[in-house]
PDB file of N, CA and C in Angstrom:
ATOM      1  N   MET A   1     -10.412  21.590 -22.651  1.00  0.00           N
ATOM      2  CA  MET A   1     -10.584  21.615 -21.056  1.00  0.00           C
ATOM      3  C   MET A   1     -11.255  20.054 -20.909  1.00  0.00           C
ATOM      4  N   ASP A   2     -12.065  19.749 -21.732  1.00  0.00           N
ATOM      5  CA  ASP A   2     -12.733  18.286 -21.490  1.00  0.00           C
ATOM      6  C   ASP A   2     -11.851  17.609 -22.487  1.00  0.00           C
ATOM      7  N   GLU A   3     -11.130  16.676 -21.964  1.00  0.00           N
ATOM      8  CA  GLU A   3     -10.400  15.566 -23.197  1.00  0.00           C
ATOM      9  C   GLU A   3     -11.405  14.719 -23.835  1.00  0.00           C
ATOM     10  N   GLN A   4     -12.653  14.696 -23.540  1.00  0.00           N
ATOM     11  CA  GLN A   4     -13.529  13.905 -24.227  1.00  0.00           C
ATOM     12  C   GLN A   4     -14.290  14.555 -25.185  1.00  0.00           C
ATOM     13  N   ILE A   5     -14.285  15.829 -25.314  1.00  0.00           N
ATOM     14  CA  ILE A   5     -14.965  16.595 -26.326  1.00  0.00           C
ATOM     15  C   ILE A   5     -14.140  17.678 -26.741  1.00  0.00           C
ATOM     16  N   THR A   6     -13.968  17.731 -27.988  1.00  0.00           N
ATOM     17  CA  THR A   6     -13.305  18.941 -28.693  1.00  0.00           C
ATOM     18  C   THR A   6     -14.048  20.181 -28.850  1.00  0.00           C
ATOM     19  N   TYR A   7     -13.437  21.083 -28.882  1.00  0.00           N
ATOM     20  CA  TYR A   7     -13.958  22.471 -29.459  1.00  0.00           C
ATOM     21  C   TYR A   7     -14.892  22.440 -30.765  1.00  0.00           C
ATOM     22  N   MET A   8     -14.183  21.854 -31.587  1.00  0.00           N
ATOM     23  CA  MET A   8     -14.902  21.512 -32.987  1.00  0.00           C
ATOM     24  C   MET A   8     -16.145  20.778 -32.897  1.00  0.00           C
ATOM     25  N   GLN A   9     -16.108  19.806 -32.006  1.00  0.00           N
ATOM     26  CA  GLN A   9     -17.560  19.087 -31.795  1.00  0.00           C
ATOM     27  C   GLN A   9     -18.508  20.026 -30.913  1.00  0.00           C
ATOM     28  N   GLN A  10     -18.049  20.600 -30.192  1.00  0.00           N
ATOM     29  CA  GLN A  10     -19.004  21.674 -29.323  1.00  0.00           C
ATOM     30  C   GLN A  10     -19.606  22.651 -30.512  1.00  0.00           C
ATOM     31  N   LEU A  11     -18.758  23.032 -31.427  1.00  0.00           N
ATOM     32  CA  LEU A  11     -19.302  24.192 -32.262  1.00  0.00           C
ATOM     33  C   LEU A  11     -20.330  23.436 -33.222  1.00  0.00           C
ATOM     34  N   GLN A  12     -20.435  22.108 -33.339  1.00  0.00           N
ATOM     35  CA  GLN A  12     -21.546  21.604 -34.217  1.00  0.00           C
ATOM     36  C   GLN A  12     -22.763  21.189 -33.346  1.00  0.00           C
ATOM     37  N   HIS A  13     -22.761  21.256 -31.978  1.00  0.00           N
ATOM     38  CA  HIS A  13     -23.958  21.016 -31.233  1.00  0.00           C
ATOM     39  C   HIS A  13     -24.526  22.452 -30.798  1.00  0.00           C
ATOM     40  N   ASP A  14     -25.754  22.365 -31.308  1.00  0.00           N
ATOM     41  CA  ASP A  14     -26.280  23.875 -31.152  1.00  0.00           C
ATOM     42  C   ASP A  14     -27.884  23.752 -30.567  1.00  0.00           C
ATOM     43  N   ASN A  15     -27.983  24.067 -29.519  1.00  0.00           N
ATOM     44  CA  ASN A  15     -29.294  24.201 -28.867  1.00  0.00           C
ATOM     45  C   ASN A  15     -29.633  25.377 -27.883  1.00  0.00           C
ATOM     46  N   GLY A  16     -29.193  26.622 -28.395  1.00  0.00           N
ATOM     47  CA  GLY A  16     -29.449  27.739 -27.605  1.00  0.00           C
ATOM     48  C   GLY A  16     -28.179  28.582 -27.437  1.00  0.00           C
ATOM     49  N   PRO A  17     -28.371  29.336 -26.571  1.00  0.00           N
ATOM     50  CA  PRO A  17     -27.318  30.579 -26.149  1.00  0.00           C
ATOM     51  C   PRO A  17     -26.159  29.641 -25.432  1.00  0.00           C
ATOM     52  N   VAL A  18     -24.851  30.005 -25.778  1.00  0.00           N
ATOM     53  CA  VAL A  18     -23.728  29.494 -24.976  1.00  0.00           C
ATOM     54  C   VAL A  18     -22.723  30.495 -24.586  1.00  0.00           C
ATOM     55  N   VAL A  19     -21.827  30.020 -23.891  1.00  0.00           N
ATOM     56  CA  VAL A  19     -20.736  30.934 -23.251  1.00  0.00           C
ATOM     57  C   VAL A  19     -19.350  30.239 -23.614  1.00  0.00           C
ATOM     58  N   LEU A  20     -18.597  30.989 -24.258  1.00  0.00           N
ATOM     59  CA  LEU A  20     -17.285  30.588 -24.557  1.00  0.00           C
ATOM     60  C   LEU A  20     -16.233  30.939 -23.586  1.00  0.00           C
ATOM     61  N   ILE A  21     -15.611  29.917 -22.933  1.00  0.00           N
ATOM     62  CA  ILE A  21     -14.485  30.183 -21.907  1.00  0.00           C
ATOM     63  C   ILE A  21     -13.488  29.745 -22.587  1.00  0.00           C
ATOM     64  N   ASN A  22     -12.392  30.720 -22.823  1.00  0.00           N
ATOM     65  CA  ASN A  22     -11.067  30.558 -23.507  1.00  0.00           C
ATOM     66  C   ASN A  22      -9.859  30.722 -22.560  1.00  0.00           C
ATOM     67  N   GLN A  23      -9.148  29.836 -22.122  1.00  0.00           N
ATOM     68  CA  GLN A  23      -8.054  30.061 -21.240  1.00  0.00           C
ATOM     69  C   GLN A  23      -6.788  30.351 -22.139  1.00  0.00           C
ATOM     70  N   PHE A  24      -5.985  31.261 -21.876  1.00  0.00           N
ATOM     71  CA  PHE A  24      -4.741  31.596 -22.618  1.00  0.00           C
ATOM     72  C   PHE A  24      -3.673  31.566 -21.680  1.00  0.00           C
ATOM     73  N   ASN A  25      -2.616  31.093 -22.062  1.00  0.00           N
ATOM     74  CA  ASN A  25      -1.331  30.990 -21.093  1.00  0.00           C
ATOM     75  C   ASN A  25      -0.206  31.735 -22.242  1.00  0.00           C
ATOM     76  N   VAL A  26       0.503  32.735 -21.617  1.00  0.00           N
ATOM     77  CA  VAL A  26       1.278  33.526 -22.514  1.00  0.00           C
ATOM     78  C   VAL A  26       2.671  33.552 -21.745  1.00  0.00           C
ATOM     79  N   ALA A  27       3.680  33.706 -22.449  1.00  0.00           N
ATOM     80  CA  ALA A  27       5.127  33.932 -21.864  1.00  0.00           C
ATOM     81  C   ALA A  27       5.129  35.235 -21.376  1.00  0.00           C
ATOM     82  N   PRO A  28       5.737  35.587 -20.304  1.00  0.00           N
ATOM     83  CA  PRO A  28       5.652  37.004 -19.696  1.00  0.00           C
ATOM     84  C   PRO A  28       6.178  38.160 -20.664  1.00  0.00           C
ATOM     85  N   ALA A  29       7.109  37.795 -21.586  1.00  0.00           N
ATOM     86  CA  ALA A  29       7.734  38.666 -22.609  1.00  0.00           C
ATOM     87  C   ALA A  29       6.570  39.107 -23.657  1.00  0.00           C
ATOM     88  N   ASP A  30       5.616  38.109 -23.812  1.00  0.00           N
ATOM     89  CA  ASP A  30       4.562  38.306 -24.912  1.00  0.00           C
ATOM     90  C   ASP A  30       3.305  38.920 -24.411  1.00  0.00           C
ATOM     91  N   VAL A  31       3.211  39.188 -23.250  1.00  0.00           N
ATOM     92  CA  VAL A  31       1.836  39.814 -22.674  1.00  0.00           C
ATOM     93  C   VAL A  31       1.352  40.888 -23.431  1.00  0.00           C
ATOM     94  N   GLU A  32       2.165  41.900 -23.744  1.00  0.00           N
ATOM     95  CA  GLU A  32       1.753  43.118 -24.535  1.00  0.00           C
ATOM     96  C   GLU A  32       1.296  42.803 -25.857  1.00  0.00           C
ATOM     97  N   ARG A  33       2.014  42.097 -26.522  1.00  0.00           N
ATOM     98  CA  ARG A  33       1.415  41.702 -27.925  1.00  0.00           C
ATOM     99  C   ARG A  33       0.215  40.914 -27.846  1.00  0.00           C
ATOM    100  N   PHE A  34       0.309  39.996 -26.881  1.00  0.00           N
ATOM    101  CA  PHE A  34      -1.092  39.058 -26.705  1.00  0.00           C
ATOM    102  C   PHE A  34      -2.375  40.211 -26.454  1.00  0.00           C
ATOM    103  N   LEU A  35      -2.116  41.201 -25.798  1.00  0.00           N
ATOM    104  CA  LEU A  35      -3.152  41.809 -25.359  1.00  0.00           C
ATOM    105  C   LEU A  35      -3.706  42.717 -26.637  1.00  0.00           C
ATOM    106  N   GLU A  36      -2.579  43.231 -27.440  1.00  0.00           N
ATOM    107  CA  GLU A  36      -3.023  43.915 -28.810  1.00  0.00           C
ATOM    108  C   GLU A  36      -3.713  43.120 -29.584  1.00  0.00           C
ATOM    109  N   VAL A  37      -3.186  41.674 -29.883  1.00  0.00           N
ATOM    110  CA  VAL A  37      -3.893  40.882 -30.810  1.00  0.00           C
ATOM    111  C   VAL A  37      -5.298  40.453 -30.223  1.00  0.00           C
ATOM    112  N   TRP A  38      -5.413  40.165 -28.972  1.00  0.00           N
ATOM    113  CA  TRP A  38      -6.703  39.938 -28.242  1.00  0.00           C
ATOM    114  C   TRP A  38      -7.657  41.081 -28.598  1.00  0.00           C
ATOM    115  N   ALA A  39      -7.357  42.262 -28.292  1.00  0.00           N
ATOM    116  CA  ALA A  39      -8.193  43.387 -28.588  1.00  0.00           C
ATOM    117  C   ALA A  39      -8.614  43.569 -30.015  1.00  0.00           C
ATOM    118  N   ASP A  40      -7.685  43.255 -31.061  1.00  0.00           N
ATOM    119  CA  ASP A  40      -8.122  43.222 -32.455  1.00  0.00           C
ATOM    120  C   ASP A  40      -9.148  42.112 -32.710  1.00  0.00           C
ATOM    121  N   ASP A  41      -8.867  40.924 -32.116  1.00  0.00           N
ATOM    122  CA  ASP A  41      -9.923  39.934 -32.285  1.00  0.00           C
ATOM    123  C   ASP A  41     -11.375  40.154 -31.638  1.00  0.00           C
ATOM    124  N   ALA A  42     -11.260  40.732 -30.533  1.00  0.00           N
ATOM    125  CA  ALA A  42     -12.501  40.944 -29.855  1.00  0.00           C
ATOM    126  C   ALA A  42     -13.329  42.137 -30.692  1.00  0.00           C
ATOM    127  N   ARG A  43     -12.716  43.180 -31.246  1.00  0.00           N
ATOM    128  CA  ARG A  43     -13.378  44.079 -31.924  1.00  0.00           C
ATOM    129  C   ARG A  43     -14.008  43.296 -33.228  1.00  0.00           C
ATOM    130  N   PHE A  44     -13.132  42.503 -33.793  1.00  0.00           N
ATOM    131  CA  PHE A  44     -13.827  41.696 -35.205  1.00  0.00           C
ATOM    132  C   PHE A  44     -15.014  40.812 -34.526  1.00  0.00           C
ATOM    133  N   MET A  45     -14.715  39.942 -33.497  1.00  0.00           N
ATOM    134  CA  MET A  45     -15.805  39.159 -32.964  1.00  0.00           C
ATOM    135  C   MET A  45     -17.107  39.797 -32.721  1.00  0.00           C
ATOM    136  N   LYS A  46     -17.026  40.918 -31.924  1.00  0.00           N
ATOM    137  CA  LYS A  46     -18.220  41.576 -31.481  1.00  0.00           C
ATOM    138  C   LYS A  46     -18.856  42.185 -32.759  1.00  0.00           C
ATOM    139  N   GLN A  47     -18.384  42.148 -33.832  1.00  0.00           N
ATOM    140  CA  GLN A  47     -19.171  42.726 -35.127  1.00  0.00           C
ATOM    141  C   GLN A  47     -19.803  41.500 -35.917  1.00  0.00           C
ATOM    142  N   GLN A  48     -19.485  40.295 -35.401  1.00  0.00           N
ATOM    143  CA  GLN A  48     -20.123  39.231 -35.932  1.00  0.00           C
ATOM    144  C   GLN A  48     -21.553  38.807 -35.514  1.00  0.00           C
ATOM    145  N   PRO A  49     -22.528  38.267 -36.473  1.00  0.00           N
ATOM    146  CA  PRO A  49     -23.691  37.957 -35.913  1.00  0.00           C
ATOM    147  C   PRO A  49     -23.743  36.806 -34.694  1.00  0.00           C
ATOM    148  N   GLY A  50     -24.395  37.331 -33.897  1.00  0.00           N
ATOM    149  CA  GLY A  50     -24.640  36.233 -32.774  1.00  0.00           C
ATOM    150  C   GLY A  50     -23.803  36.574 -31.568  1.00  0.00           C
ATOM    151  N   CYS A  51     -22.808  37.504 -31.700  1.00  0.00           N
ATOM    152  CA  CYS A  51     -21.911  37.857 -30.498  1.00  0.00           C
ATOM    153  C   CYS A  51     -22.662  38.698 -29.557  1.00  0.00           C
ATOM    154  N   VAL A  52     -22.911  38.432 -28.327  1.00  0.00           N
ATOM    155  CA  VAL A  52     -23.480  39.213 -27.337  1.00  0.00           C
ATOM    156  C   VAL A  52     -22.584  40.199 -26.541  1.00  0.00           C
ATOM    157  N   SER A  53     -21.558  39.391 -26.127  1.00  0.00           N
ATOM    158  CA  SER A  53     -20.532  40.261 -25.287  1.00  0.00           C
ATOM    159  C   SER A  53     -19.081  39.320 -25.046  1.00  0.00           C
ATOM    160  N   THR A  54     -18.094  40.137 -24.721  1.00  0.00           N
ATOM    161  CA  THR A  54     -16.960  39.468 -24.350  1.00  0.00           C
ATOM    162  C   THR A  54     -16.119  40.236 -23.306  1.00  0.00           C
ATOM    163  N   GLN A  55     -15.635  39.497 -22.514  1.00  0.00           N
ATOM    164  CA  GLN A  55     -14.731  40.185 -21.326  1.00  0.00           C
ATOM    165  C   GLN A  55     -13.577  39.263 -20.991  1.00  0.00           C
ATOM    166  N   LEU A  56     -12.448  39.958 -21.073  1.00  0.00           N
ATOM    167  CA  LEU A  56     -10.911  39.350 -20.764  1.00  0.00           C
ATOM    168  C   LEU A  56     -10.727  39.548 -19.309  1.00  0.00           C
ATOM    169  N   HIS A  57     -10.195  38.485 -18.837  1.00  0.00           N
ATOM    170  CA  HIS A  57      -9.901  38.438 -17.343  1.00  0.00           C
ATOM    171  C   HIS A  57      -8.349  37.961 -17.346  1.00  0.00           C
ATOM    172  N   ARG A  58      -7.721  38.455 -16.230  1.00  0.00           N
ATOM    173  CA  ARG A  58      -6.222  38.157 -16.104  1.00  0.00           C
ATOM    174  C   ARG A  58      -5.879  37.578 -14.622  1.00  0.00           C
ATOM    175  N   GLY A  59      -5.283  36.577 -14.450  1.00  0.00           N
ATOM    176  CA  GLY A  59      -4.910  36.045 -13.151  1.00  0.00           C
ATOM    177  C   GLY A  59      -4.177  37.214 -12.392  1.00  0.00           C
ATOM    178  N   THR A  60      -4.429  37.049 -11.116  1.00  0.00           N
ATOM    179  CA  THR A  60      -3.590  38.109 -10.485  1.00  0.00           C
ATOM    180  C   THR A  60      -2.181  37.853  -9.977  1.00  0.00           C
ATOM    181  N   ALA A  61      -1.599  38.764  -9.175  1.00  0.00           N
ATOM    182  CA  ALA A  61      -0.272  38.674  -8.796  1.00  0.00           C
ATOM    183  C   ALA A  61       0.759  38.580  -9.953  1.00  0.00           C
ATOM    184  N   GLY A  62       0.416  39.077 -10.994  1.00  0.00           N
ATOM    185  CA  GLY A  62       1.481  39.149 -12.088  1.00  0.00           C
ATOM    186  C   GLY A  62       1.441  37.823 -13.076  1.00  0.00           C
ATOM    187  N   SER A  63       0.329  37.191 -12.831  1.00  0.00           N
ATOM    188  CA  SER A  63      -0.125  35.888 -13.768  1.00  0.00           C
ATOM    189  C   SER A  63      -0.121  36.299 -15.265  1.00  0.00           C
ATOM    190  N   THR A  64       0.342  35.403 -15.956  1.00  0.00           N
ATOM    191  CA  THR A  64       0.171  35.429 -17.303  1.00  0.00           C
ATOM    192  C   THR A  64      -0.879  34.417 -17.951  1.00  0.00           C
ATOM    193  N   THR A  65      -1.903  34.114 -16.998  1.00  0.00           N
ATOM    194  CA  THR A  65      -2.947  33.394 -17.506  1.00  0.00           C
ATOM    195  C   THR A  65      -3.997  34.356 -17.700  1.00  0.00           C
ATOM    196  N   PHE A  66      -4.768  34.200 -18.855  1.00  0.00           N
ATOM    197  CA  PHE A  66      -5.835  34.899 -19.180  1.00  0.00           C
ATOM    198  C   PHE A  66      -7.049  33.936 -19.487  1.00  0.00           C
ATOM    199  N   ILE A  67      -8.244  34.595 -19.201  1.00  0.00           N
ATOM    200  CA  ILE A  67      -9.653  34.033 -19.429  1.00  0.00           C
ATOM    201  C   ILE A  67     -10.473  34.986 -20.239  1.00  0.00           C
ATOM    202  N   ASN A  68     -11.021  34.527 -21.279  1.00  0.00           N
ATOM    203  CA  ASN A  68     -11.918  35.301 -21.913  1.00  0.00           C
ATOM    204  C   ASN A  68     -13.127  34.585 -21.867  1.00  0.00           C
ATOM    205  N   VAL A  69     -14.215  35.449 -21.514  1.00  0.00           N
ATOM    206  CA  VAL A  69     -15.549  34.767 -21.299  1.00  0.00           C
ATOM    207  C   VAL A  69     -16.378  35.588 -22.366  1.00  0.00           C
ATOM    208  N   ALA A  70     -16.943  34.934 -23.407  1.00  0.00           N
ATOM    209  CA  ALA A  70     -17.718  35.492 -24.369  1.00  0.00           C
ATOM    210  C   ALA A  70     -19.143  34.817 -24.498  1.00  0.00           C
ATOM    211  N   VAL A  71     -20.248  35.708 -24.677  1.00  0.00           N
ATOM    212  CA  VAL A  71     -21.612  35.158 -24.715  1.00  0.00           C
ATOM    213  C   VAL A  71     -21.966  35.149 -26.142  1.00  0.00           C
ATOM    214  N   TRP A  72     -22.620  34.248 -26.606  1.00  0.00           N
ATOM    215  CA  TRP A  72     -23.037  33.954 -27.933  1.00  0.00           C
ATOM    216  C   TRP A  72     -24.361  33.491 -28.021  1.00  0.00           C
ATOM    217  N   GLU A  73     -25.154  34.041 -29.155  1.00  0.00           N
ATOM    218  CA  GLU A  73     -26.497  33.515 -29.293  1.00  0.00           C
ATOM    219  C   GLU A  73     -26.669  32.053 -29.587  1.00  0.00           C
ATOM    220  N   SER A  74     -25.573  31.542 -30.185  1.00  0.00           N
ATOM    221  CA  SER A  74     -25.610  29.987 -30.444  1.00  0.00           C
ATOM    222  C   SER A  74     -24.449  29.568 -30.671  1.00  0.00           C
ATOM    223  N   ALA A  75     -24.065  28.115 -30.492  1.00  0.00           N
ATOM    224  CA  ALA A  75     -22.681  27.663 -31.007  1.00  0.00           C
ATOM    225  C   ALA A  75     -22.716  27.725 -32.524  1.00  0.00           C
ATOM    226  N   ALA A  76     -23.648  27.752 -33.338  1.00  0.00           N
ATOM    227  CA  ALA A  76     -23.523  27.898 -34.756  1.00  0.00           C
ATOM    228  C   ALA A  76     -22.976  29.237 -35.111  1.00  0.00           C
ATOM    229  N   ALA A  77     -23.381  30.240 -34.585  1.00  0.00           N
ATOM    230  CA  ALA A  77     -23.006  31.673 -34.706  1.00  0.00           C
ATOM    231  C   ALA A  77     -21.451  31.745 -34.390  1.00  0.00           C
ATOM    232  N   LEU A  78     -21.098  31.256 -33.115  1.00  0.00           N
ATOM    233  CA  LEU A  78     -19.574  31.127 -32.710  1.00  0.00           C
ATOM    234  C   LEU A  78     -18.856  30.520 -33.860  1.00  0.00           C
ATOM    235  N   GLY A  79     -19.376  29.299 -34.117  1.00  0.00           N
ATOM    236  CA  GLY A  79     -18.706  28.416 -35.089  1.00  0.00           C
ATOM    237  C   GLY A  79     -18.299  29.249 -36.439  1.00  0.00           C
ATOM    238  N   ASP A  80     -19.318  29.960 -36.926  1.00  0.00           N
ATOM    239  CA  ASP A  80     -19.359  30.617 -38.285  1.00  0.00           C
ATOM    240  C   ASP A  80     -18.122  31.659 -38.000  1.00  0.00           C
ATOM    241  N   ALA A  81     -18.222  32.352 -36.974  1.00  0.00           N
ATOM    242  CA  ALA A  81     -17.199  33.513 -36.925  1.00  0.00           C
ATOM    243  C   ALA A  81     -15.868  32.945 -36.757  1.00  0.00           C
ATOM    244  N   PHE A  82     -15.797  31.758 -35.907  1.00  0.00           N
ATOM    245  CA  PHE A  82     -14.502  30.923 -35.630  1.00  0.00           C
ATOM    246  C   PHE A  82     -13.736  30.585 -37.085  1.00  0.00           C
ATOM    247  N   ARG A  83     -14.653  30.080 -37.867  1.00  0.00           N
ATOM    248  CA  ARG A  83     -14.192  29.319 -38.971  1.00  0.00           C
ATOM    249  C   ARG A  83     -14.024  30.414 -40.085  1.00  0.00           C
ATOM    250  N   SER A  84     -14.336  31.560 -39.924  1.00  0.00           N
ATOM    251  CA  SER A  84     -14.209  32.654 -41.042  1.00  0.00           C
ATOM    252  C   SER A  84     -12.726  32.856 -41.234  1.00  0.00           C
ATOM    253  N   PRO A  85     -12.582  32.984 -42.465  1.00  0.00           N
ATOM    254  CA  PRO A  85     -10.955  33.284 -43.082  1.00  0.00           C
ATOM    255  C   PRO A  85     -10.480  34.355 -42.233  1.00  0.00           C
ATOM    256  N   GLU A  86     -11.323  35.512 -42.038  1.00  0.00           N
ATOM    257  CA  GLU A  86     -10.770  36.775 -41.377  1.00  0.00           C
ATOM    258  C   GLU A  86     -10.255  36.568 -39.872  1.00  0.00           C
ATOM    259  N   PHE A  87     -10.989  35.468 -39.134  1.00  0.00           N
ATOM    260  CA  PHE A  87     -10.663  35.338 -37.910  1.00  0.00           C
ATOM    261  C   PHE A  87      -9.431  34.283 -37.891  1.00  0.00           C
ATOM    262  N   GLN A  88      -9.464  33.311 -38.745  1.00  0.00           N
ATOM    263  CA  GLN A  88      -8.245  32.471 -38.822  1.00  0.00           C
ATOM    264  C   GLN A  88      -7.040  33.271 -39.176  1.00  0.00           C
ATOM    265  N   GLN A  89      -7.057  34.414 -40.051  1.00  0.00           N
ATOM    266  CA  GLN A  89      -6.050  35.114 -40.305  1.00  0.00           C
ATOM    267  C   GLN A  89      -5.441  35.807 -39.031  1.00  0.00           C
ATOM    268  N   ARG A  90      -6.441  36.123 -38.086  1.00  0.00           N
ATOM    269  CA  ARG A  90      -5.981  36.888 -37.010  1.00  0.00           C
ATOM    270  C   ARG A  90      -5.441  36.024 -36.001  1.00  0.00           C
ATOM    271  N   THR A  91      -5.837  34.754 -35.931  1.00  0.00           N
ATOM    272  CA  THR A  91      -5.174  33.829 -34.831  1.00  0.00           C
ATOM    273  C   THR A  91      -3.571  33.680 -35.255  1.00  0.00           C
ATOM    274  N   ALA A  92      -3.182  33.832 -36.443  1.00  0.00           N
ATOM    275  CA  ALA A  92      -1.859  33.566 -36.782  1.00  0.00           C
ATOM    276  C   ALA A  92      -0.874  35.021 -36.190  1.00  0.00           C
ATOM    277  N   GLU A  93      -1.613  35.935 -35.882  1.00  0.00           N
ATOM    278  CA  GLU A  93      -0.834  37.122 -35.296  1.00  0.00           C
ATOM    279  C   GLU A  93      -0.525  36.906 -33.716  1.00  0.00           C
ATOM    280  N   TYR A  94      -1.013  36.062 -33.000  1.00  0.00           N
ATOM    281  CA  TYR A  94      -0.806  35.854 -31.749  1.00  0.00           C
ATOM    282  C   TYR A  94       0.769  35.456 -31.411  1.00  0.00           C
ATOM    283  N   PRO A  95       1.354  35.675 -30.452  1.00  0.00           N
ATOM    284  CA  PRO A  95       2.864  35.268 -30.104  1.00  0.00           C
ATOM    285  C   PRO A  95       2.795  33.775 -30.170  1.00  0.00           C
ATOM    286  N   ASP A  96       4.055  33.224 -30.324  1.00  0.00           N
ATOM    287  CA  ASP A  96       4.308  31.980 -30.610  1.00  0.00           C
ATOM    288  C   ASP A  96       4.123  31.113 -29.241  1.00  0.00           C
ATOM    289  N   SER A  97       4.160  31.818 -28.159  1.00  0.00           N
ATOM    290  CA  SER A  97       4.074  31.406 -26.995  1.00  0.00           C
ATOM    291  C   SER A  97       2.610  31.153 -26.360  1.00  0.00           C
ATOM    292  N   THR A  98       1.629  31.822 -27.103  1.00  0.00           N
ATOM    293  CA  THR A  98       0.227  31.613 -26.739  1.00  0.00           C
ATOM    294  C   THR A  98      -0.253  30.222 -26.805  1.00  0.00           C
ATOM    295  N   VAL A  99      -0.887  29.839 -25.708  1.00  0.00           N
ATOM    296  CA  VAL A  99      -1.642  28.381 -25.782  1.00  0.00           C
ATOM    297  C   VAL A  99      -3.087  28.629 -25.339  1.00  0.00           C
ATOM    298  N   ALA A 100      -4.004  28.467 -26.152  1.00  0.00           N
ATOM    299  CA  ALA A 100      -5.420  28.731 -26.081  1.00  0.00           C
ATOM    300  C   ALA A 100      -6.063  27.376 -25.656  1.00  0.00           C
ATOM    301  N   THR A 101      -7.128  27.459 -24.797  1.00  0.00           N
ATOM    302  CA  THR A 101      -7.904  26.207 -24.450  1.00  0.00           C
ATOM    303  C   THR A 101      -9.444  26.562 -24.438  1.00  0.00           C
ATOM    304  N   PRO A 102      -9.933  26.617 -25.533  1.00  0.00           N
ATOM    305  CA  PRO A 102     -11.455  27.062 -25.530  1.00  0.00           C
ATOM    306  C   PRO A 102     -12.241  25.885 -25.165  1.00  0.00           C
ATOM    307  N   HIS A 103     -13.402  26.337 -24.582  1.00  0.00           N
ATOM    308  CA  HIS A 103     -14.496  25.394 -24.488  1.00  0.00           C
ATOM    309  C   HIS A 103     -15.960  26.044 -24.238  1.00  0.00           C
ATOM    310  N   VAL A 104     -17.100  25.278 -24.727  1.00  0.00           N
ATOM    311  CA  VAL A 104     -18.340  26.243 -24.796  1.00  0.00           C
ATOM    312  C   VAL A 104     -19.192  25.358 -23.886  1.00  0.00           C
ATOM    313  N   PHE A 105     -19.872  26.343 -23.032  1.00  0.00           N
ATOM    314  CA  PHE A 105     -20.769  26.031 -22.049  1.00  0.00           C
ATOM    315  C   PHE A 105     -22.222  26.611 -22.088  1.00  0.00           C
ATOM    316  N   GLN A 106     -23.227  25.887 -21.445  1.00  0.00           N
ATOM    317  CA  GLN A 106     -24.480  26.393 -21.298  1.00  0.00           C
ATOM    318  C   GLN A 106     -24.797  26.563 -19.972  1.00  0.00           C
ATOM    319  N   LYS A 107     -25.642  27.486 -19.604  1.00  0.00           N
ATOM    320  CA  LYS A 107     -26.192  27.724 -18.037  1.00  0.00           C
ATOM    321  C   LYS A 107     -26.902  26.348 -17.656  1.00  0.00           C
ATOM    322  N   LEU A 108     -26.725  26.318 -16.398  1.00  0.00           N
ATOM    323  CA  LEU A 108     -27.240  25.052 -15.903  1.00  0.00           C
ATOM    324  C   LEU A 108     -28.214  25.330 -14.827  1.00  0.00           C
ATOM    325  N   ALA A 109     -29.361  24.872 -14.567  1.00  0.00           N
ATOM    326  CA  ALA A 109     -30.257  25.223 -13.376  1.00  0.00           C
ATOM    327  C   ALA A 109     -29.728  24.177 -12.561  1.00  0.00           C
ATOM    328  N   VAL A 110     -29.627  24.715 -11.151  1.00  0.00           N
ATOM    329  CA  VAL A 110     -29.510  23.916  -9.925  1.00  0.00           C
ATOM    330  C   VAL A 110     -30.571  24.622  -9.099  1.00  0.00           C
ATOM    331  N   PRO A 111     -31.427  23.673  -8.564  1.00  0.00           N
ATOM    332  CA  PRO A 111     -32.737  24.057  -7.747  1.00  0.00           C
ATOM    333  C   PRO A 111     -32.228  24.689  -6.449  1.00  0.00           C
ATOM    334  N   GLY A 112     -32.812  25.844  -6.382  1.00  0.00           N
ATOM    335  CA  GLY A 112     -32.376  26.585  -5.119  1.00  0.00           C
ATOM    336  C   GLY A 112     -31.189  27.590  -5.181  1.00  0.00           C
ATOM    337  N   ILE A 113     -30.470  27.337  -6.311  1.00  0.00           N
ATOM    338  CA  ILE A 113     -29.102  28.075  -6.308  1.00  0.00           C
ATOM    339  C   ILE A 113     -29.134  28.906  -7.561  1.00  0.00           C
ATOM    340  N   CYS A 114     -29.112  28.521  -8.865  1.00  0.00           N
ATOM    341  CA  CYS A 114     -29.332  29.500  -9.873  1.00  0.00           C
ATOM    342  C   CYS A 114     -30.246  28.699 -10.981  1.00  0.00           C
ATOM    343  N   VAL A 115     -30.460  29.565 -12.070  1.00  0.00           N
ATOM    344  CA  VAL A 115     -31.420  29.231 -12.948  1.00  0.00           C
ATOM    345  C   VAL A 115     -30.878  29.178 -14.538  1.00  0.00           C
ATOM    346  N   ALA A 116     -31.319  28.114 -15.276  1.00  0.00           N
ATOM    347  CA  ALA A 116     -30.897  28.069 -16.681  1.00  0.00           C
ATOM    348  C   ALA A 116     -31.554  29.181 -17.398  1.00  0.00           C
ATOM    349  N   GLY A 117     -31.222  29.502 -18.675  1.00  0.00           N
ATOM    350  CA  GLY A 117     -32.030  30.399 -19.422  1.00  0.00           C
ATOM    351  C   GLY A 117     -30.876  31.214 -20.405  1.00  0.00           C
ATOM    352  N   PRO A 118     -31.119  32.287 -20.951  1.00  0.00           N
ATOM    353  CA  PRO A 118     -30.337  33.063 -21.783  1.00  0.00           C
ATOM    354  C   PRO A 118     -28.894  32.957 -21.187  1.00  0.00           C
ATOM    355  N   ALA A 119     -27.944  32.936 -22.064  1.00  0.00           N
ATOM    356  CA  ALA A 119     -26.261  33.074 -21.604  1.00  0.00           C
ATOM    357  C   ALA A 119     -26.360  34.535 -21.051  1.00  0.00           C
TER     358      ALA A 119
END
């Protein structure tokens, strides 16, 4: 999402709770397979230390763009789970048309609008 910072660089920067936002684009014919594999991934990740929650969203009107929003206690915990051999093996199961764009965020305080704090 940010051409200046890679996902791997973000996983090395750890200073508190983070939110992973991962956009997936999938060919229409691969949607069902994508959903099966994502569900398997989510079950695995939810068992990993530091995973707080995950939620998959789908674009409306028949869109084949999906967004996963996952809350983690830290980028380090997310990185450990992401680099695990078990997770890497699961990523190979996604349909070839799947394009993922992960990015890590932290809450930002904007006076009078929103507060920072735990993800």
